Protein backbone atom coordinates (compact mmCIF):
# COMPACT_ATOMS: atom_id res chain seq x y z
CA MET A 1 0.09 0.24 -0.22
CA SER A 2 1.16 3.56 -1.30
CA LEU A 3 2.34 6.24 1.43
CA LYS A 4 -0.67 8.05 -0.51
CA SER A 5 -3.32 5.39 -0.34
CA MET A 6 -2.31 4.86 3.80
CA ILE A 7 -2.89 9.00 4.53
CA TRP A 8 -6.18 8.49 2.67
CA ASN A 9 -7.24 5.39 4.37
CA GLY A 10 -5.97 7.10 7.78
CA LEU A 11 -8.53 10.40 6.97
CA LEU A 12 -11.31 8.05 6.10
CA VAL A 13 -11.26 6.38 9.21
CA ALA A 14 -10.52 9.86 11.18
CA ALA A 15 -14.00 11.04 9.37
CA LEU A 16 -15.98 8.19 10.22
CA CYS A 17 -14.91 8.69 13.86
CA LEU A 18 -15.51 12.57 13.76
CA ALA A 19 -18.76 11.75 12.19
CA VAL A 20 -19.98 9.18 15.13
CA PHE A 21 -18.63 11.77 17.81
CA LEU A 22 -20.69 14.13 16.16
CA LEU A 23 -23.94 11.85 16.79
CA TYR A 24 -22.69 11.55 20.06
CA ARG A 25 -22.71 15.25 20.61
CA ILE A 26 -26.39 15.50 19.21
CA PHE A 27 -27.62 13.15 21.17
CA GLN A 28 -25.51 14.03 24.31
CA GLN A 29 -27.44 17.87 24.16
CA TYR A 30 -30.67 16.54 22.98
CA SER A 31 -31.51 13.16 24.59
CA LEU A 32 -33.23 10.72 21.85
CA ASP A 33 -36.58 11.14 23.70
CA GLN A 34 -36.19 14.80 23.32
CA ILE A 35 -35.26 14.41 19.46
CA VAL A 36 -38.45 11.73 18.74
CA GLN A 37 -40.57 13.90 20.75
CA SER A 38 -39.56 16.98 18.82
CA VAL A 39 -40.42 15.25 15.58
CA ARG A 40 -43.46 13.78 16.72
CA SER A 41 -44.68 17.35 17.52
CA ILE A 42 -44.02 18.68 13.91
CA PRO A 43 -46.71 17.70 11.64
CA PHE A 44 -45.98 14.74 8.56
CA SER A 45 -46.65 17.53 5.93
CA THR A 46 -44.53 19.99 7.86
CA PHE A 47 -41.29 18.02 8.28
CA GLY A 48 -41.87 16.59 4.94
CA THR A 49 -42.16 20.00 3.05
CA ALA A 50 -38.80 21.12 5.38
CA LEU A 51 -37.09 17.99 4.11
CA LEU A 52 -37.36 18.79 0.72
CA PHE A 53 -36.37 22.59 1.08
CA ALA A 54 -33.14 20.82 3.09
CA ALA A 55 -32.64 18.53 -0.21
CA ALA A 56 -33.07 21.48 -2.50
CA SER A 57 -30.53 23.61 -0.66
CA TYR A 58 -28.09 20.66 -0.78
CA LEU A 59 -29.19 20.33 -4.67
CA CYS A 60 -28.16 24.32 -4.81
CA LEU A 61 -24.72 23.70 -3.28
CA GLY A 62 -24.01 21.32 -5.58
CA CYS A 63 -24.59 24.12 -8.30
CA PHE A 64 -21.67 25.84 -6.21
CA ASP A 65 -19.32 23.63 -7.40
CA LEU A 66 -20.57 23.14 -11.20
CA LEU A 67 -20.25 26.82 -11.69
CA ALA A 68 -16.90 26.67 -10.37
CA ILE A 69 -15.59 24.01 -12.33
CA ARG A 70 -17.67 25.56 -15.58
CA SER A 71 -14.98 28.64 -14.60
CA LEU A 72 -12.34 26.55 -14.62
CA GLY A 73 -12.94 25.54 -18.21
CA LYS A 74 -13.65 21.97 -16.99
CA SER A 75 -16.54 19.59 -17.39
CA LEU A 76 -18.06 16.88 -15.21
CA PRO A 77 -21.61 15.46 -15.17
CA TYR A 78 -23.35 16.85 -12.46
CA PRO A 79 -24.82 13.84 -10.77
CA ARG A 80 -20.75 13.27 -9.72
CA ILE A 81 -20.54 16.99 -8.54
CA ALA A 82 -23.69 16.49 -6.77
CA LEU A 83 -22.34 13.47 -4.71
CA ALA A 84 -18.65 15.16 -3.96
CA SER A 85 -20.57 18.38 -2.81
CA PHE A 86 -23.23 16.39 -0.94
CA ILE A 87 -20.68 14.43 1.01
CA SER A 88 -18.28 17.12 1.91
CA LEU A 89 -20.82 19.37 2.67
CA SER A 90 -23.09 17.22 4.75
CA LEU A 91 -19.89 16.49 6.95
CA GLY A 92 -18.61 19.97 7.02
CA HIS A 93 -21.31 22.00 8.14
CA ASN A 94 -21.59 19.56 11.30
CA ILE A 95 -17.32 19.72 11.56
CA GLY A 96 -16.77 23.32 11.44
CA PHE A 97 -14.12 25.61 9.16
CA ALA A 98 -16.77 24.22 6.44
CA GLY A 99 -14.13 25.60 3.31
CA LEU A 100 -11.07 23.52 5.23
CA SER A 101 -13.13 20.44 6.49
CA SER A 102 -15.16 19.84 3.35
CA GLY A 103 -11.83 20.66 0.96
CA ALA A 104 -10.18 17.25 2.02
CA PHE A 105 -13.33 14.88 0.74
CA ARG A 106 -13.55 17.61 -2.21
CA TYR A 107 -10.10 16.73 -3.08
CA ARG A 108 -10.84 12.87 -2.58
CA PHE A 109 -13.24 13.08 -5.23
CA TYR A 110 -12.23 15.62 -7.51
CA SER A 111 -8.82 14.21 -7.96
CA ARG A 112 -10.22 10.89 -9.10
CA TRP A 113 -11.75 12.56 -11.78
CA GLY A 114 -9.04 14.33 -13.09
CA LEU A 115 -8.95 17.97 -11.40
CA THR A 116 -5.86 18.93 -10.02
CA THR A 117 -4.56 20.24 -6.53
CA GLU A 118 -4.79 23.66 -7.63
CA ASP A 119 -8.34 22.91 -9.57
CA VAL A 120 -9.57 21.83 -5.98
CA ALA A 121 -8.24 25.14 -4.32
CA LYS A 122 -9.81 27.13 -6.82
CA ILE A 123 -12.84 25.29 -6.34
CA ILE A 124 -13.30 25.86 -2.80
CA LEU A 125 -12.13 29.59 -2.94
CA PHE A 126 -14.99 30.29 -5.28
CA CYS A 127 -17.66 28.10 -3.74
CA GLY A 128 -16.48 30.63 -0.61
CA VAL A 129 -17.06 33.86 -2.64
CA THR A 130 -20.48 32.63 -3.76
CA VAL A 131 -21.61 31.62 -0.13
CA GLY A 132 -20.41 35.12 0.99
CA LEU A 133 -22.54 36.71 -1.70
CA GLY A 134 -25.57 34.85 -1.09
CA LEU A 135 -25.46 35.67 2.18
CA ILE A 136 -24.69 39.15 1.89
CA THR A 137 -27.42 39.79 -0.71
CA LEU A 138 -30.04 38.07 1.10
CA GLY A 139 -29.00 39.62 4.76
CA GLY A 140 -29.27 42.86 2.59
CA ILE A 141 -33.21 42.16 1.49
CA ALA A 142 -33.81 41.15 5.21
CA MET A 143 -32.50 44.25 6.61
CA ILE A 144 -34.40 46.17 4.32
CA VAL A 145 -37.64 44.22 4.64
CA ASN A 146 -37.45 43.49 8.11
CA PRO A 147 -35.38 45.82 10.08
CA GLY A 148 -36.92 45.45 13.25
CA ASP A 149 -35.41 42.02 14.36
CA ALA A 150 -32.00 42.67 12.84
CA GLY A 151 -32.02 46.13 14.73
CA ARG A 152 -32.77 44.49 18.03
CA LEU A 153 -30.34 42.26 17.87
CA LEU A 154 -27.20 44.21 16.64
CA ARG A 155 -28.55 47.00 18.70
CA ILE A 156 -28.94 49.83 16.42
CA GLU A 157 -31.66 51.67 14.85
CA PRO A 158 -34.15 50.37 12.01
CA ALA A 159 -33.38 53.46 9.66
CA SER A 160 -29.69 52.75 10.05
CA VAL A 161 -30.27 48.55 9.56
CA ARG A 162 -32.39 49.66 6.12
CA ILE A 163 -28.96 51.95 5.44
CA PHE A 164 -26.45 48.89 5.94
CA GLY A 165 -29.20 46.59 3.91
CA SER A 166 -28.69 48.87 0.90
CA LEU A 167 -24.90 49.32 1.39
CA ALA A 168 -24.43 45.46 1.47
CA LEU A 169 -26.49 45.01 -1.62
CA VAL A 170 -23.96 47.42 -3.59
CA VAL A 171 -21.34 44.19 -2.88
CA PRO A 172 -22.61 41.88 -5.37
CA VAL A 173 -23.45 44.47 -8.01
CA VAL A 174 -20.15 45.93 -7.54
CA TYR A 175 -18.85 42.27 -8.01
CA ALA A 176 -20.84 41.83 -11.24
CA GLY A 177 -19.97 44.67 -12.31
CA LEU A 178 -16.27 44.03 -12.20
CA ALA A 179 -16.93 40.74 -13.70
CA PHE A 180 -17.98 42.20 -16.76
CA PHE A 181 -16.05 45.32 -17.09
CA ILE A 182 -12.54 43.62 -16.51
CA ARG A 183 -13.10 40.22 -17.88
CA GLY A 184 -10.28 38.83 -16.70
CA THR A 185 -7.67 39.04 -13.67
CA LEU A 186 -8.30 42.18 -10.89
CA ARG A 187 -4.88 43.06 -9.37
CA LEU A 188 -5.31 44.94 -5.98
CA TRP A 189 -1.50 46.27 -4.68
CA ARG A 190 0.20 42.66 -4.62
CA TRP A 191 -2.58 40.28 -4.84
CA SER A 192 -4.44 39.18 -8.20
CA PHE A 193 -7.99 37.58 -8.28
CA GLN A 194 -9.16 35.66 -11.45
CA LEU A 195 -13.17 37.09 -12.40
CA PRO A 196 -15.51 34.85 -13.66
CA ARG A 197 -17.41 35.37 -16.65
CA PHE A 198 -19.82 37.85 -16.16
CA SER A 199 -22.89 35.29 -16.73
CA ILE A 200 -21.41 33.12 -13.92
CA ALA A 201 -20.91 36.01 -11.38
CA VAL A 202 -24.51 36.80 -11.89
CA ALA A 203 -25.30 33.08 -11.18
CA GLN A 204 -22.87 32.75 -8.03
CA VAL A 205 -25.11 35.82 -6.56
CA GLY A 206 -28.39 34.04 -7.63
CA VAL A 207 -27.91 30.61 -6.83
CA GLY A 208 -26.13 31.61 -3.31
CA THR A 209 -28.91 33.65 -2.80
CA VAL A 210 -31.49 30.88 -3.60
CA ASN A 211 -29.48 28.21 -1.28
CA PHE A 212 -29.85 30.74 1.76
CA MET A 213 -33.58 31.32 0.82
CA LEU A 214 -34.03 27.10 0.79
CA VAL A 215 -32.46 26.83 4.41
CA SER A 216 -34.41 30.02 5.81
CA ALA A 217 -37.72 28.17 4.50
CA CYS A 218 -36.11 25.16 5.93
CA LEU A 219 -36.45 26.82 9.45
CA HIS A 220 -39.55 28.58 8.52
CA GLN A 221 -41.24 25.57 8.18
CA MET A 222 -40.00 24.18 11.74
CA LEU A 223 -40.83 27.68 13.57
CA SER A 224 -44.35 28.36 11.94
CA ALA A 225 -45.35 24.70 13.66
CA PHE A 226 -45.27 26.48 16.75
CA GLY A 227 -46.77 30.02 16.08
CA ASP A 228 -47.39 32.57 13.05
CA VAL A 229 -44.02 33.69 11.72
CA ALA A 230 -43.41 35.99 8.87
CA PHE A 231 -41.08 34.39 6.22
CA PHE A 232 -38.62 36.96 6.74
CA ARG A 233 -38.52 36.82 10.25
CA SER A 234 -36.98 33.16 9.54
CA VAL A 235 -35.10 34.65 6.96
CA THR A 236 -33.26 37.52 9.55
CA ALA A 237 -32.99 34.74 12.43
CA TYR A 238 -31.31 32.24 9.85
CA VAL A 239 -29.08 34.93 7.97
CA LEU A 240 -28.02 36.45 11.04
CA ALA A 241 -27.39 32.72 13.08
CA ASN A 242 -25.42 31.97 9.93
CA SER A 243 -23.23 34.91 10.04
CA ALA A 244 -22.64 34.06 13.35
CA ILE A 245 -21.68 30.08 12.76
CA LEU A 246 -19.33 31.65 9.88
CA ALA A 247 -17.26 33.79 12.17
CA THR A 248 -17.18 31.40 15.31
CA HIS A 249 -16.79 28.08 13.27
CA VAL A 250 -18.55 26.43 16.13
CA PRO A 251 -18.91 22.70 14.78
CA GLY A 252 -22.60 22.40 13.29
CA GLY A 253 -23.14 26.01 15.14
CA LEU A 254 -23.88 24.42 18.00
CA GLY A 255 -25.67 26.62 20.68
CA VAL A 256 -25.00 29.65 18.43
CA LEU A 257 -28.07 28.65 15.95
CA GLU A 258 -30.10 28.24 19.06
CA ALA A 259 -29.04 31.70 20.95
CA THR A 260 -29.67 33.82 17.49
CA VAL A 261 -33.18 32.45 16.69
CA SER A 262 -34.58 32.21 19.97
CA TYR A 263 -33.63 36.20 20.49
CA VAL A 264 -35.11 36.72 16.98
CA VAL A 265 -38.30 34.89 17.49
CA PRO A 266 -38.26 33.94 21.33
CA LYS A 267 -42.14 32.52 21.13
CA GLU A 268 -41.49 30.32 18.22
CA ALA A 269 -38.33 28.91 18.46
CA SER A 270 -38.98 26.27 21.03
CA ILE A 271 -36.52 23.08 21.74
CA GLY A 272 -39.25 21.15 19.30
CA ALA A 273 -38.53 23.63 16.21
CA LEU A 274 -34.51 23.93 16.54
CA ILE A 275 -34.41 20.31 17.09
CA ALA A 276 -36.21 19.27 14.08
CA PHE A 277 -34.60 21.78 11.89
CA ARG A 278 -31.34 20.19 12.87
CA CYS A 279 -32.70 16.91 11.85
CA ALA A 280 -33.38 18.00 9.08
CA TYR A 281 -30.17 20.02 7.89
CA PHE A 282 -27.75 18.41 9.81
CA PHE A 283 -28.72 15.15 11.44
CA ILE A 284 -30.24 13.64 8.31
CA PRO A 285 -27.62 14.57 5.56
CA LEU A 286 -24.82 13.89 8.31
CA ALA A 287 -25.96 10.12 8.64
CA LEU A 288 -26.29 9.83 4.96
CA GLY A 289 -23.58 11.77 3.94
CA THR A 290 -21.45 9.37 6.11
CA THR A 291 -23.12 6.21 4.67
CA LEU A 292 -22.52 7.40 0.87
CA LEU A 293 -19.02 8.18 1.89
CA VAL A 294 -17.89 4.53 2.79
CA ILE A 295 -20.63 3.40 -0.13
CA SER A 296 -18.41 5.49 -2.36
CA GLU A 297 -14.93 4.36 -0.75
CA VAL A 298 -15.89 0.80 -1.40
CA VAL A 299 -17.11 1.09 -5.22
CA PHE A 300 -13.73 2.94 -5.87
CA ARG A 301 -11.29 0.20 -4.31
CA ARG A 302 -13.35 -2.24 -5.79
CA THR A 303 -13.32 -0.51 -9.26
CA SER A 304 -9.54 0.69 -9.01
CA ARG A 305 -8.53 -3.17 -8.17
CA GLY A 306 -10.18 -4.26 -11.22
CA ALA A 307 -8.66 -1.79 -13.14
CA ASP A 308 -4.85 -2.68 -11.82
CA GLU A 309 -5.89 -6.32 -12.24
CA GLU A 310 -6.75 -5.67 -15.97
CA ALA A 311 -3.68 -3.78 -16.64
CA ASP A 312 -1.56 -6.41 -15.25
CA GLU A 313 -3.14 -9.33 -17.58
CA ARG A 314 -2.79 -7.08 -20.36
CA ALA A 315 0.92 -6.35 -19.68
CA GLU A 316 1.50 -10.47 -19.26
CA ALA A 317 -0.28 -11.19 -22.36
CA GLN A 318 1.77 -8.52 -24.02
CA SER A 319 5.03 -10.00 -22.63
CA VAL A 320 4.36 -13.57 -24.20
């Protein structure tokens, strides 16, 4: 066994152990009875709709990688991209430091399909920019539409919140404008940034924003089961919570999500709604992503072993 294979085997075992540890942490913070009772308290139709929003979000996240690969001038089938993205992010969302933790899994898959280390690094950076654009855009919209809740949490006046929201919306416009007018490398002092094509830049803003709207819709479904919550209150709660999670890099946002959402919507943010949201967007994808990771590793090793045996047989036949 080569050194590279030993390293990846070690990382795989570590990832599985970490997944088990994360499941333990979830069950430690919320007992199994609490999780079961919380999920049961949500109407089946509501929980099912929330799961659909969560699934749509992960499909949307796969489009982040698709756009990144297109911007590199590469081509891969979307099912492969979606598989790599889902496994990487279902684990990365729970581990924390999603860009770095998911990067190792992305490299594991994309390197099999002909992409280089530099390509994977550019994909991770591209996806990080898309996340930022989506969060800033939806956050700007939420601050304009619902300045009261954001103002209470940030301790500033609603008028100031609307100003900040308007300024936030300038960011995606400037980004798209730079992609349109520069059409190449942007140089700032000693740094240089390769801008995507204008169409891809616009798609980044759109897909990034839609992704966070889908996650907010998933949260909204859970909160609405316990009270009448306006959609943009859920959007405000999730955008602010996700901003705090990205800043702190707490694994799975444990505690940060609950504290922020409970502050914005104190009446509806019951333990049942928040546990159900975690089940739909974190817990179920984590279990599914871990299972798919194990299956993909088994399939890949069998395929590579069969290819090696076939190559050996061809070499023996040519030598005879």
